[in-house]
């Protein structure tokens, strides 16, 4: 069985990992203190990872304003849905607003355009 999670949380986790990757790359530049060009390259590369993270956070924030907010039938907490199927942010309950998918086993491929026919 595959491990599923909420799409918004996946994207936020990716953005957070970009920040940590950026810091690690920047710290890697410290090992090249004797060569200012290589050290500067590592610092700029790390900064680019952090800027990419900022862009991803901004994008998911804008995307999050267009989501449908539903109340999870399992835990009773409000959660945001992206696409036809998604998971509850709190309890990982599969959710859908499409009556044709009600009762079917959860599959993230239902959100792809070619599977919506």
PDB file of N, CA and C in Angstrom:
ATOM      1  N   UNK A   1       0.842  -1.186   0.000  1.00  0.00           N
ATOM      2  CA  UNK A   1       0.000   0.000   0.000  1.00  0.00           C
ATOM      3  C   UNK A   1       0.886   1.248   0.000  1.00  0.00           C
ATOM      4  N   UNK A   2       0.585   2.169  -0.872  1.00  0.00           N
ATOM      5  CA  UNK A   2       1.374   3.393  -0.993  1.00  0.00           C
ATOM      6  C   UNK A   2       1.024   4.367   0.121  1.00  0.00           C
ATOM      7  N   UNK A   3       1.982   5.178   0.487  1.00  0.00           N
ATOM      8  CA  UNK A   3       1.770   6.204   1.512  1.00  0.00           C
ATOM      9  C   UNK A   3       1.329   7.486   0.827  1.00  0.00           C
ATOM     10  N   UNK A   4       0.145   7.937   1.132  1.00  0.00           N
ATOM     11  CA  UNK A   4      -0.388   9.160   0.552  1.00  0.00           C
ATOM     12  C   UNK A   4      -0.416  10.238   1.617  1.00  0.00           C
ATOM     13  N   UNK A   5      -0.357  11.495   1.171  1.00  0.00           N
ATOM     14  CA  UNK A   5      -0.534  12.614   2.086  1.00  0.00           C
ATOM     15  C   UNK A   5      -1.169  13.754   1.306  1.00  0.00           C
ATOM     16  N   UNK A   6      -1.577  14.748   2.020  1.00  0.00           N
ATOM     17  CA  UNK A   6      -2.226  15.906   1.431  1.00  0.00           C
ATOM     18  C   UNK A   6      -1.274  16.612   0.471  1.00  0.00           C
ATOM     19  N   UNK A   7      -1.785  17.035  -0.696  1.00  0.00           N
ATOM     20  CA  UNK A   7      -0.940  17.650  -1.722  1.00  0.00           C
ATOM     21  C   UNK A   7      -0.313  18.957  -1.244  1.00  0.00           C
ATOM     22  N   UNK A   8      -1.057  19.756  -0.516  1.00  0.00           N
ATOM     23  CA  UNK A   8      -0.520  21.028  -0.015  1.00  0.00           C
ATOM     24  C   UNK A   8       0.641  20.759   0.935  1.00  0.00           C
ATOM     25  N   UNK A   9       0.495  19.768   1.811  1.00  0.00           N
ATOM     26  CA  UNK A   9       1.580  19.439   2.740  1.00  0.00           C
ATOM     27  C   UNK A   9       2.805  18.900   2.014  1.00  0.00           C
ATOM     28  N   UNK A  10       2.605  18.145   0.935  1.00  0.00           N
ATOM     29  CA  UNK A  10       3.737  17.640   0.152  1.00  0.00           C
ATOM     30  C   UNK A  10       4.543  18.797  -0.434  1.00  0.00           C
ATOM     31  N   UNK A  11       3.846  19.782  -0.980  1.00  0.00           N
ATOM     32  CA  UNK A  11       4.537  20.911  -1.608  1.00  0.00           C
ATOM     33  C   UNK A  11       5.239  21.756  -0.546  1.00  0.00           C
ATOM     34  N   UNK A  12       4.614  21.934   0.606  1.00  0.00           N
ATOM     35  CA  UNK A  12       5.258  22.680   1.690  1.00  0.00           C
ATOM     36  C   UNK A  12       6.503  21.947   2.192  1.00  0.00           C
ATOM     37  N   UNK A  13       6.438  20.627   2.267  1.00  0.00           N
ATOM     38  CA  UNK A  13       7.600  19.847   2.686  1.00  0.00           C
ATOM     39  C   UNK A  13       8.733  19.988   1.676  1.00  0.00           C
ATOM     40  N   UNK A  14       8.396  19.994   0.392  1.00  0.00           N
ATOM     41  CA  UNK A  14       9.401  20.198  -0.648  1.00  0.00           C
ATOM     42  C   UNK A  14      10.062  21.567  -0.488  1.00  0.00           C
ATOM     43  N   UNK A  15       9.275  22.603  -0.231  1.00  0.00           N
ATOM     44  CA  UNK A  15       9.821  23.951  -0.067  1.00  0.00           C
ATOM     45  C   UNK A  15      10.731  24.019   1.163  1.00  0.00           C
ATOM     46  N   UNK A  16      10.339  23.355   2.239  1.00  0.00           N
ATOM     47  CA  UNK A  16      11.176  23.341   3.437  1.00  0.00           C
ATOM     48  C   UNK A  16      12.488  22.607   3.166  1.00  0.00           C
ATOM     49  N   UNK A  17      12.423  21.526   2.394  1.00  0.00           N
ATOM     50  CA  UNK A  17      13.652  20.799   2.075  1.00  0.00           C
ATOM     51  C   UNK A  17      14.584  21.655   1.220  1.00  0.00           C
ATOM     52  N   UNK A  18      14.027  22.515   0.362  1.00  0.00           N
ATOM     53  CA  UNK A  18      14.876  23.417  -0.430  1.00  0.00           C
ATOM     54  C   UNK A  18      15.668  24.364   0.468  1.00  0.00           C
ATOM     55  N   UNK A  19      15.047  24.813   1.554  1.00  0.00           N
ATOM     56  CA  UNK A  19      15.752  25.695   2.499  1.00  0.00           C
ATOM     57  C   UNK A  19      16.929  24.961   3.123  1.00  0.00           C
ATOM     58  N   UNK A  20      16.683  23.728   3.596  1.00  0.00           N
ATOM     59  CA  UNK A  20      17.759  22.966   4.228  1.00  0.00           C
ATOM     60  C   UNK A  20      18.862  22.624   3.235  1.00  0.00           C
ATOM     61  N   UNK A  21      18.493  22.283   2.003  1.00  0.00           N
ATOM     62  CA  UNK A  21      19.498  22.010   0.974  1.00  0.00           C
ATOM     63  C   UNK A  21      20.337  23.260   0.723  1.00  0.00           C
ATOM     64  N   UNK A  22      19.677  24.414   0.676  1.00  0.00           N
ATOM     65  CA  UNK A  22      20.402  25.672   0.485  1.00  0.00           C
ATOM     66  C   UNK A  22      21.404  25.935   1.587  1.00  0.00           C
ATOM     67  N   UNK A  23      20.998  25.696   2.846  1.00  0.00           N
ATOM     68  CA  UNK A  23      21.926  25.898   3.959  1.00  0.00           C
ATOM     69  C   UNK A  23      23.095  24.916   3.897  1.00  0.00           C
ATOM     70  N   UNK A  24      22.815  23.667   3.557  1.00  0.00           N
ATOM     71  CA  UNK A  24      23.877  22.660   3.480  1.00  0.00           C
ATOM     72  C   UNK A  24      24.880  23.023   2.378  1.00  0.00           C
ATOM     73  N   UNK A  25      24.360  23.467   1.239  1.00  0.00           N
ATOM     74  CA  UNK A  25      25.249  23.879   0.147  1.00  0.00           C
ATOM     75  C   UNK A  25      26.095  25.072   0.584  1.00  0.00           C
ATOM     76  N   UNK A  26      25.480  26.016   1.281  1.00  0.00           N
ATOM     77  CA  UNK A  26      26.242  27.182   1.755  1.00  0.00           C
ATOM     78  C   UNK A  26      27.325  26.763   2.754  1.00  0.00           C
ATOM     79  N   UNK A  27      26.981  25.865   3.678  1.00  0.00           N
ATOM     80  CA  UNK A  27      27.989  25.385   4.625  1.00  0.00           C
ATOM     81  C   UNK A  27      29.082  24.611   3.908  1.00  0.00           C
ATOM     82  N   UNK A  28      28.732  23.936   2.803  1.00  0.00           N
ATOM     83  CA  UNK A  28      29.743  23.249   2.005  1.00  0.00           C
ATOM     84  C   UNK A  28      30.782  24.202   1.452  1.00  0.00           C
ATOM     85  N   UNK A  29      30.382  25.432   1.211  1.00  0.00           N
ATOM     86  CA  UNK A  29      31.319  26.447   0.727  1.00  0.00           C
ATOM     87  C   UNK A  29      32.407  26.782   1.720  1.00  0.00           C
ATOM     88  N   UNK A  30      32.158  26.527   3.004  1.00  0.00           N
ATOM     89  CA  UNK A  30      33.162  26.822   4.032  1.00  0.00           C
ATOM     90  C   UNK A  30      34.408  25.964   3.844  1.00  0.00           C
ATOM     91  N   UNK A  31      34.245  24.773   3.283  1.00  0.00           N
ATOM     92  CA  UNK A  31      35.396  23.896   3.073  1.00  0.00           C
ATOM     93  C   UNK A  31      36.344  24.429   1.997  1.00  0.00           C
ATOM     94  N   UNK A  32      35.882  25.402   1.240  1.00  0.00           N
ATOM     95  CA  UNK A  32      36.704  25.977   0.169  1.00  0.00           C
ATOM     96  C   UNK A  32      37.102  27.422   0.488  1.00  0.00           C
ATOM     97  N   UNK A  33      37.421  27.717   1.741  1.00  0.00           N
ATOM     98  CA  UNK A  33      37.801  29.065   2.152  1.00  0.00           C
ATOM     99  C   UNK A  33      39.060  29.560   1.452  1.00  0.00           C
ATOM    100  N   UNK A  34      39.893  28.625   1.052  1.00  0.00           N
ATOM    101  CA  UNK A  34      41.132  29.031   0.388  1.00  0.00           C
ATOM    102  C   UNK A  34      40.897  29.490  -1.053  1.00  0.00           C
ATOM    103  N   UNK A  35      39.754  29.110  -1.626  1.00  0.00           N
ATOM    104  CA  UNK A  35      39.430  29.505  -3.000  1.00  0.00           C
ATOM    105  C   UNK A  35      38.159  30.351  -2.990  1.00  0.00           C
ATOM    106  N   UNK A  36      38.304  31.672  -3.026  1.00  0.00           N
ATOM    107  CA  UNK A  36      37.127  32.542  -2.956  1.00  0.00           C
ATOM    108  C   UNK A  36      36.114  32.306  -4.082  1.00  0.00           C
ATOM    109  N   UNK A  37      36.575  31.927  -5.252  1.00  0.00           N
ATOM    110  CA  UNK A  37      35.653  31.718  -6.376  1.00  0.00           C
ATOM    111  C   UNK A  37      34.735  30.517  -6.118  1.00  0.00           C
ATOM    112  N   UNK A  38      35.323  29.416  -5.638  1.00  0.00           N
ATOM    113  CA  UNK A  38      34.502  28.224  -5.361  1.00  0.00           C
ATOM    114  C   UNK A  38      33.579  28.488  -4.176  1.00  0.00           C
ATOM    115  N   UNK A  39      34.105  29.135  -3.144  1.00  0.00           N
ATOM    116  CA  UNK A  39      33.279  29.445  -1.975  1.00  0.00           C
ATOM    117  C   UNK A  39      32.107  30.343  -2.367  1.00  0.00           C
ATOM    118  N   UNK A  40      32.361  31.342  -3.181  1.00  0.00           N
ATOM    119  CA  UNK A  40      31.296  32.237  -3.637  1.00  0.00           C
ATOM    120  C   UNK A  40      30.265  31.491  -4.475  1.00  0.00           C
ATOM    121  N   UNK A  41      30.735  30.571  -5.291  1.00  0.00           N
ATOM    122  CA  UNK A  41      29.821  29.765  -6.104  1.00  0.00           C
ATOM    123  C   UNK A  41      28.879  28.953  -5.219  1.00  0.00           C
ATOM    124  N   UNK A  42      29.424  28.317  -4.177  1.00  0.00           N
ATOM    125  CA  UNK A  42      28.585  27.551  -3.247  1.00  0.00           C
ATOM    126  C   UNK A  42      27.585  28.457  -2.539  1.00  0.00           C
ATOM    127  N   UNK A  43      28.028  29.631  -2.128  1.00  0.00           N
ATOM    128  CA  UNK A  43      27.138  30.561  -1.430  1.00  0.00           C
ATOM    129  C   UNK A  43      25.998  31.022  -2.344  1.00  0.00           C
ATOM    130  N   UNK A  44      26.326  31.336  -3.583  1.00  0.00           N
ATOM    131  CA  UNK A  44      25.291  31.779  -4.527  1.00  0.00           C
ATOM    132  C   UNK A  44      24.337  30.637  -4.857  1.00  0.00           C
ATOM    133  N   UNK A  45      24.873  29.422  -5.016  1.00  0.00           N
ATOM    134  CA  UNK A  45      24.025  28.266  -5.291  1.00  0.00           C
ATOM    135  C   UNK A  45      23.072  28.003  -4.119  1.00  0.00           C
ATOM    136  N   UNK A  46      23.588  28.090  -2.898  1.00  0.00           N
ATOM    137  CA  UNK A  46      22.735  27.929  -1.716  1.00  0.00           C
ATOM    138  C   UNK A  46      21.663  29.001  -1.646  1.00  0.00           C
ATOM    139  N   UNK A  47      22.037  30.231  -1.991  1.00  0.00           N
ATOM    140  CA  UNK A  47      21.063  31.320  -2.003  1.00  0.00           C
ATOM    141  C   UNK A  47      19.978  31.068  -3.048  1.00  0.00           C
ATOM    142  N   UNK A  48      20.356  30.499  -4.186  1.00  0.00           N
ATOM    143  CA  UNK A  48      19.362  30.182  -5.219  1.00  0.00           C
ATOM    144  C   UNK A  48      18.368  29.124  -4.744  1.00  0.00           C
ATOM    145  N   UNK A  49      18.847  28.133  -3.972  1.00  0.00           N
ATOM    146  CA  UNK A  49      17.935  27.144  -3.396  1.00  0.00           C
ATOM    147  C   UNK A  49      16.942  27.823  -2.443  1.00  0.00           C
ATOM    148  N   UNK A  50      17.411  28.751  -1.647  1.00  0.00           N
ATOM    149  CA  UNK A  50      16.534  29.440  -0.694  1.00  0.00           C
ATOM    150  C   UNK A  50      15.548  30.337  -1.436  1.00  0.00           C
ATOM    151  N   UNK A  51      15.973  30.993  -2.494  1.00  0.00           N
ATOM    152  CA  UNK A  51      15.063  31.804  -3.308  1.00  0.00           C
ATOM    153  C   UNK A  51      14.024  30.916  -3.976  1.00  0.00           C
ATOM    154  N   UNK A  52      14.449  29.734  -4.465  1.00  0.00           N
ATOM    155  CA  UNK A  52      13.500  28.787  -5.052  1.00  0.00           C
ATOM    156  C   UNK A  52      12.457  28.358  -4.022  1.00  0.00           C
ATOM    157  N   UNK A  53      12.890  28.164  -2.788  1.00  0.00           N
ATOM    158  CA  UNK A  53      11.959  27.808  -1.721  1.00  0.00           C
ATOM    159  C   UNK A  53      10.934  28.916  -1.501  1.00  0.00           C
ATOM    160  N   UNK A  54      11.394  30.156  -1.528  1.00  0.00           N
ATOM    161  CA  UNK A  54      10.484  31.291  -1.364  1.00  0.00           C
ATOM    162  C   UNK A  54       9.452  31.321  -2.481  1.00  0.00           C
ATOM    163  N   UNK A  55       9.884  31.050  -3.698  1.00  0.00           N
ATOM    164  CA  UNK A  55       8.967  31.022  -4.842  1.00  0.00           C
ATOM    165  C   UNK A  55       7.933  29.904  -4.676  1.00  0.00           C
ATOM    166  N   UNK A  56       8.383  28.727  -4.234  1.00  0.00           N
ATOM    167  CA  UNK A  56       7.462  27.601  -4.039  1.00  0.00           C
ATOM    168  C   UNK A  56       6.464  27.921  -2.923  1.00  0.00           C
ATOM    169  N   UNK A  57       6.943  28.502  -1.821  1.00  0.00           N
ATOM    170  CA  UNK A  57       6.028  28.889  -0.730  1.00  0.00           C
ATOM    171  C   UNK A  57       5.001  29.918  -1.217  1.00  0.00           C
ATOM    172  N   UNK A  58       5.437  30.875  -2.008  1.00  0.00           N
ATOM    173  CA  UNK A  58       4.513  31.872  -2.546  1.00  0.00           C
ATOM    174  C   UNK A  58       3.484  31.198  -3.454  1.00  0.00           C
ATOM    175  N   UNK A  59       3.949  30.295  -4.331  1.00  0.00           N
ATOM    176  CA  UNK A  59       3.054  29.603  -5.260  1.00  0.00           C
ATOM    177  C   UNK A  59       2.022  28.766  -4.514  1.00  0.00           C
ATOM    178  N   UNK A  60       2.440  27.999  -3.504  1.00  0.00           N
ATOM    179  CA  UNK A  60       1.481  27.165  -2.778  1.00  0.00           C
ATOM    180  C   UNK A  60       0.546  28.030  -1.939  1.00  0.00           C
ATOM    181  N   UNK A  61       1.019  29.179  -1.504  1.00  0.00           N
ATOM    182  CA  UNK A  61       0.134  30.103  -0.789  1.00  0.00           C
ATOM    183  C   UNK A  61      -0.958  30.639  -1.693  1.00  0.00           C
ATOM    184  N   UNK A  62      -0.591  31.005  -2.910  1.00  0.00           N
ATOM    185  CA  UNK A  62      -1.595  31.467  -3.878  1.00  0.00           C
ATOM    186  C   UNK A  62      -2.536  30.334  -4.279  1.00  0.00           C
ATOM    187  N   UNK A  63      -1.987  29.143  -4.458  1.00  0.00           N
ATOM    188  CA  UNK A  63      -2.803  27.982  -4.813  1.00  0.00           C
ATOM    189  C   UNK A  63      -3.745  27.609  -3.669  1.00  0.00           C
ATOM    190  N   UNK A  64      -3.277  27.797  -2.459  1.00  0.00           N
ATOM    191  CA  UNK A  64      -4.071  27.451  -1.281  1.00  0.00           C
ATOM    192  C   UNK A  64      -5.305  28.342  -1.138  1.00  0.00           C
ATOM    193  N   UNK A  65      -5.250  29.550  -1.681  1.00  0.00           N
ATOM    194  CA  UNK A  65      -6.418  30.425  -1.590  1.00  0.00           C
ATOM    195  C   UNK A  65      -7.530  29.985  -2.538  1.00  0.00           C
ATOM    196  N   UNK A  66      -7.203  29.147  -3.533  1.00  0.00           N
ATOM    197  CA  UNK A  66      -8.191  28.688  -4.504  1.00  0.00           C
ATOM    198  C   UNK A  66      -8.721  27.289  -4.208  1.00  0.00           C
ATOM    199  N   UNK A  67      -8.356  26.736  -3.067  1.00  0.00           N
ATOM    200  CA  UNK A  67      -8.785  25.384  -2.738  1.00  0.00           C
ATOM    201  C   UNK A  67     -10.203  25.386  -2.197  1.00  0.00           C
ATOM    202  N   UNK A  68     -10.773  24.198  -2.156  1.00  0.00           N
ATOM    203  CA  UNK A  68     -12.094  24.010  -1.574  1.00  0.00           C
ATOM    204  C   UNK A  68     -11.895  23.555  -0.136  1.00  0.00           C
ATOM    205  N   UNK A  69     -12.524  24.245   0.794  1.00  0.00           N
ATOM    206  CA  UNK A  69     -12.402  23.866   2.192  1.00  0.00           C
ATOM    207  C   UNK A  69     -13.589  22.991   2.563  1.00  0.00           C
ATOM    208  N   UNK A  70     -13.299  21.795   3.088  1.00  0.00           N
ATOM    209  CA  UNK A  70     -14.328  20.847   3.483  1.00  0.00           C
ATOM    210  C   UNK A  70     -14.076  20.421   4.927  1.00  0.00           C
ATOM    211  N   UNK A  71     -15.097  19.841   5.530  1.00  0.00           N
ATOM    212  CA  UNK A  71     -14.957  19.277   6.868  1.00  0.00           C
ATOM    213  C   UNK A  71     -14.792  17.772   6.700  1.00  0.00           C
ATOM    214  N   UNK A  72     -13.725  17.244   7.257  1.00  0.00           N
ATOM    215  CA  UNK A  72     -13.438  15.823   7.138  1.00  0.00           C
ATOM    216  C   UNK A  72     -14.508  15.019   7.875  1.00  0.00           C
ATOM    217  N   UNK A  73     -15.108  14.024   7.232  1.00  0.00           N
ATOM    218  CA  UNK A  73     -16.131  13.224   7.911  1.00  0.00           C
ATOM    219  C   UNK A  73     -15.551  12.325   9.000  1.00  0.00           C
ATOM    220  N   UNK A  74     -14.261  12.064   8.954  1.00  0.00           N
ATOM    221  CA  UNK A  74     -13.646  11.175   9.930  1.00  0.00           C
ATOM    222  C   UNK A  74     -13.264  11.898  11.221  1.00  0.00           C
ATOM    223  N   UNK A  75     -12.504  13.009  11.087  1.00  0.00           N
ATOM    224  CA  UNK A  75     -12.025  13.709  12.289  1.00  0.00           C
ATOM    225  C   UNK A  75     -12.819  14.973  12.600  1.00  0.00           C
ATOM    226  N   UNK A  76     -13.618  15.457  11.646  1.00  0.00           N
ATOM    227  CA  UNK A  76     -14.453  16.628  11.880  1.00  0.00           C
ATOM    228  C   UNK A  76     -13.723  17.957  11.794  1.00  0.00           C
ATOM    229  N   UNK A  77     -12.466  17.953  11.350  1.00  0.00           N
ATOM    230  CA  UNK A  77     -11.693  19.200  11.243  1.00  0.00           C
ATOM    231  C   UNK A  77     -11.758  19.727   9.811  1.00  0.00           C
ATOM    232  N   UNK A  78     -11.703  21.052   9.650  1.00  0.00           N
ATOM    233  CA  UNK A  78     -11.683  21.604   8.283  1.00  0.00           C
ATOM    234  C   UNK A  78     -10.349  21.312   7.608  1.00  0.00           C
ATOM    235  N   UNK A  79     -10.407  20.990   6.339  1.00  0.00           N
ATOM    236  CA  UNK A  79      -9.210  20.701   5.550  1.00  0.00           C
ATOM    237  C   UNK A  79      -9.383  21.252   4.146  1.00  0.00           C
ATOM    238  N   UNK A  80      -8.288  21.466   3.446  1.00  0.00           N
ATOM    239  CA  UNK A  80      -8.337  22.018   2.090  1.00  0.00           C
ATOM    240  C   UNK A  80      -8.112  20.897   1.092  1.00  0.00           C
ATOM    241  N   UNK A  81      -8.886  20.935   0.001  1.00  0.00           N
ATOM    242  CA  UNK A  81      -8.762  19.930  -1.047  1.00  0.00           C
ATOM    243  C   UNK A  81      -8.241  20.557  -2.327  1.00  0.00           C
ATOM    244  N   UNK A  82      -7.272  19.891  -2.948  1.00  0.00           N
ATOM    245  CA  UNK A  82      -6.774  20.264  -4.266  1.00  0.00           C
ATOM    246  C   UNK A  82      -7.098  19.115  -5.210  1.00  0.00           C
ATOM    247  N   UNK A  83      -7.823  19.368  -6.260  1.00  0.00           N
ATOM    248  CA  UNK A  83      -8.136  18.324  -7.236  1.00  0.00           C
ATOM    249  C   UNK A  83      -9.397  17.556  -6.902  1.00  0.00           C
ATOM    250  N   UNK A  84      -9.594  16.455  -7.637  1.00  0.00           N
ATOM    251  CA  UNK A  84     -10.788  15.628  -7.438  1.00  0.00           C
ATOM    252  C   UNK A  84     -10.692  14.769  -6.184  1.00  0.00           C
ATOM    253  N   UNK A  85      -9.480  14.291  -5.882  1.00  0.00           N
ATOM    254  CA  UNK A  85      -9.261  13.485  -4.683  1.00  0.00           C
ATOM    255  C   UNK A  85      -8.083  14.076  -3.917  1.00  0.00           C
ATOM    256  N   UNK A  86      -8.145  13.982  -2.606  1.00  0.00           N
ATOM    257  CA  UNK A  86      -7.074  14.462  -1.754  1.00  0.00           C
ATOM    258  C   UNK A  86      -7.201  13.765  -0.411  1.00  0.00           C
ATOM    259  N   UNK A  87      -6.235  13.992   0.455  1.00  0.00           N
ATOM    260  CA  UNK A  87      -6.258  13.414   1.790  1.00  0.00           C
ATOM    261  C   UNK A  87      -6.516  14.520   2.810  1.00  0.00           C
ATOM    262  N   UNK A  88      -7.123  14.140   3.923  1.00  0.00           N
ATOM    263  CA  UNK A  88      -7.321  15.084   5.023  1.00  0.00           C
ATOM    264  C   UNK A  88      -5.947  15.481   5.562  1.00  0.00           C
ATOM    265  N   UNK A  89      -5.753  16.773   5.844  1.00  0.00           N
ATOM    266  CA  UNK A  89      -4.473  17.258   6.371  1.00  0.00           C
ATOM    267  C   UNK A  89      -4.196  16.741   7.778  1.00  0.00           C
ATOM    268  N   UNK A  90      -5.239  16.319   8.490  1.00  0.00           N
ATOM    269  CA  UNK A  90      -5.093  15.966   9.894  1.00  0.00           C
ATOM    270  C   UNK A  90      -5.036  14.460  10.128  1.00  0.00           C
ATOM    271  N   UNK A  91      -5.915  13.698   9.455  1.00  0.00           N
ATOM    272  CA  UNK A  91      -6.014  12.262   9.745  1.00  0.00           C
ATOM    273  C   UNK A  91      -5.729  11.375   8.531  1.00  0.00           C
ATOM    274  N   UNK A  92      -5.394  11.972   7.394  1.00  0.00           N
ATOM    275  CA  UNK A  92      -5.097  11.247   6.149  1.00  0.00           C
ATOM    276  C   UNK A  92      -6.265  10.391   5.642  1.00  0.00           C
ATOM    277  N   UNK A  93      -7.460  10.842   5.898  1.00  0.00           N
ATOM    278  CA  UNK A  93      -8.658  10.183   5.358  1.00  0.00           C
ATOM    279  C   UNK A  93      -8.791  10.560   3.882  1.00  0.00           C
ATOM    280  N   UNK A  94      -9.009   9.585   2.982  1.00  0.00           N
ATOM    281  CA  UNK A  94      -9.218   9.930   1.568  1.00  0.00           C
ATOM    282  C   UNK A  94     -10.505  10.729   1.397  1.00  0.00           C
ATOM    283  N   UNK A  95     -10.433  11.813   0.626  1.00  0.00           N
ATOM    284  CA  UNK A  95     -11.593  12.674   0.406  1.00  0.00           C
ATOM    285  C   UNK A  95     -11.828  12.858  -1.089  1.00  0.00           C
ATOM    286  N   UNK A  96     -13.091  12.972  -1.478  1.00  0.00           N
ATOM    287  CA  UNK A  96     -13.437  13.304  -2.850  1.00  0.00           C
ATOM    288  C   UNK A  96     -14.757  14.066  -2.854  1.00  0.00           C
ATOM    289  N   UNK A  97     -14.914  14.955  -3.819  1.00  0.00           N
ATOM    290  CA  UNK A  97     -16.175  15.657  -4.016  1.00  0.00           C
ATOM    291  C   UNK A  97     -16.888  15.127  -5.257  1.00  0.00           C
ATOM    292  N   UNK A  98     -16.252  14.198  -5.978  1.00  0.00           N
ATOM    293  CA  UNK A  98     -16.797  13.627  -7.200  1.00  0.00           C
ATOM    294  C   UNK A  98     -17.654  12.412  -6.854  1.00  0.00           C
ATOM    295  N   UNK A  99     -18.974  12.466  -7.118  1.00  0.00           N
ATOM    296  CA  UNK A  99     -19.836  11.330  -6.766  1.00  0.00           C
ATOM    297  C   UNK A  99     -19.462  10.037  -7.499  1.00  0.00           C
ATOM    298  N   UNK A 100     -18.829  10.152  -8.660  1.00  0.00           N
ATOM    299  CA  UNK A 100     -18.423   8.958  -9.400  1.00  0.00           C
ATOM    300  C   UNK A 100     -17.275   8.218  -8.713  1.00  0.00           C
ATOM    301  N   UNK A 101     -16.519   8.903  -7.876  1.00  0.00           N
ATOM    302  CA  UNK A 101     -15.380   8.290  -7.201  1.00  0.00           C
ATOM    303  C   UNK A 101     -15.701   7.848  -5.782  1.00  0.00           C
ATOM    304  N   UNK A 102     -16.886   8.151  -5.284  1.00  0.00           N
ATOM    305  CA  UNK A 102     -17.268   7.785  -3.925  1.00  0.00           C
ATOM    306  C   UNK A 102     -17.265   6.264  -3.795  1.00  0.00           C
ATOM    307  N   UNK A 103     -16.589   5.767  -2.786  1.00  0.00           N
ATOM    308  CA  UNK A 103     -16.529   4.337  -2.536  1.00  0.00           C
ATOM    309  C   UNK A 103     -15.384   3.630  -3.243  1.00  0.00           C
ATOM    310  N   UNK A 104     -14.762   4.259  -4.216  1.00  0.00           N
ATOM    311  CA  UNK A 104     -13.627   3.646  -4.909  1.00  0.00           C
ATOM    312  C   UNK A 104     -12.375   3.780  -4.057  1.00  0.00           C
ATOM    313  N   UNK A 105     -11.407   2.894  -4.310  1.00  0.00           N
ATOM    314  CA  UNK A 105     -10.144   2.970  -3.590  1.00  0.00           C
ATOM    315  C   UNK A 105      -9.403   4.245  -4.003  1.00  0.00           C
ATOM    316  N   UNK A 106      -8.753   4.888  -3.032  1.00  0.00           N
ATOM    317  CA  UNK A 106      -8.054   6.148  -3.277  1.00  0.00           C
ATOM    318  C   UNK A 106      -6.900   5.935  -4.240  1.00  0.00           C
ATOM    319  N   UNK A 107      -6.811   6.803  -5.239  1.00  0.00           N
ATOM    320  CA  UNK A 107      -5.706   6.775  -6.186  1.00  0.00           C
ATOM    321  C   UNK A 107      -5.460   8.197  -6.660  1.00  0.00           C
ATOM    322  N   UNK A 108      -4.212   8.678  -6.488  1.00  0.00           N
ATOM    323  CA  UNK A 108      -3.885  10.061  -6.868  1.00  0.00           C
ATOM    324  C   UNK A 108      -3.991  10.293  -8.372  1.00  0.00           C
ATOM    325  N   UNK A 109      -4.011   9.238  -9.173  1.00  0.00           N
ATOM    326  CA  UNK A 109      -4.092   9.412 -10.627  1.00  0.00           C
ATOM    327  C   UNK A 109      -5.461   9.930 -11.062  1.00  0.00           C
ATOM    328  N   UNK A 110      -6.457   9.910 -10.182  1.00  0.00           N
ATOM    329  CA  UNK A 110      -7.771  10.471 -10.528  1.00  0.00           C
ATOM    330  C   UNK A 110      -7.678  11.974 -10.791  1.00  0.00           C
ATOM    331  N   UNK A 111      -6.623  12.622 -10.304  1.00  0.00           N
ATOM    332  CA  UNK A 111      -6.466  14.071 -10.510  1.00  0.00           C
ATOM    333  C   UNK A 111      -5.874  14.422 -11.871  1.00  0.00           C
ATOM    334  N   UNK A 112      -5.366  13.443 -12.585  1.00  0.00           N
ATOM    335  CA  UNK A 112      -4.778  13.715 -13.896  1.00  0.00           C
ATOM    336  C   UNK A 112      -5.868  13.939 -14.926  1.00  0.00           C
ATOM    337  N   UNK A 113      -5.590  14.827 -15.877  1.00  0.00           N
ATOM    338  CA  UNK A 113      -6.586  15.203 -16.887  1.00  0.00           C
ATOM    339  C   UNK A 113      -7.088  14.001 -17.688  1.00  0.00           C
ATOM    340  N   UNK A 114      -6.199  13.085 -18.050  1.00  0.00           N
ATOM    341  CA  UNK A 114      -6.596  11.964 -18.906  1.00  0.00           C
ATOM    342  C   UNK A 114      -7.480  10.965 -18.184  1.00  0.00           C
ATOM    343  N   UNK A 115      -7.517  10.993 -16.856  1.00  0.00           N
ATOM    344  CA  UNK A 115      -8.362  10.080 -16.086  1.00  0.00           C
ATOM    345  C   UNK A 115      -9.704  10.690 -15.712  1.00  0.00           C
ATOM    346  N   UNK A 116     -10.021  11.878 -16.181  1.00  0.00           N
ATOM    347  CA  UNK A 116     -11.267  12.534 -15.786  1.00  0.00           C
ATOM    348  C   UNK A 116     -12.400  12.278 -16.763  1.00  0.00           C
ATOM    349  N   UNK A 117     -12.230  11.385 -17.705  1.00  0.00           N
ATOM    350  CA  UNK A 117     -13.289  11.094 -18.681  1.00  0.00           C
ATOM    351  C   UNK A 117     -14.227  10.049 -18.180  1.00  0.00           C
TER     352      UNK A 117
END
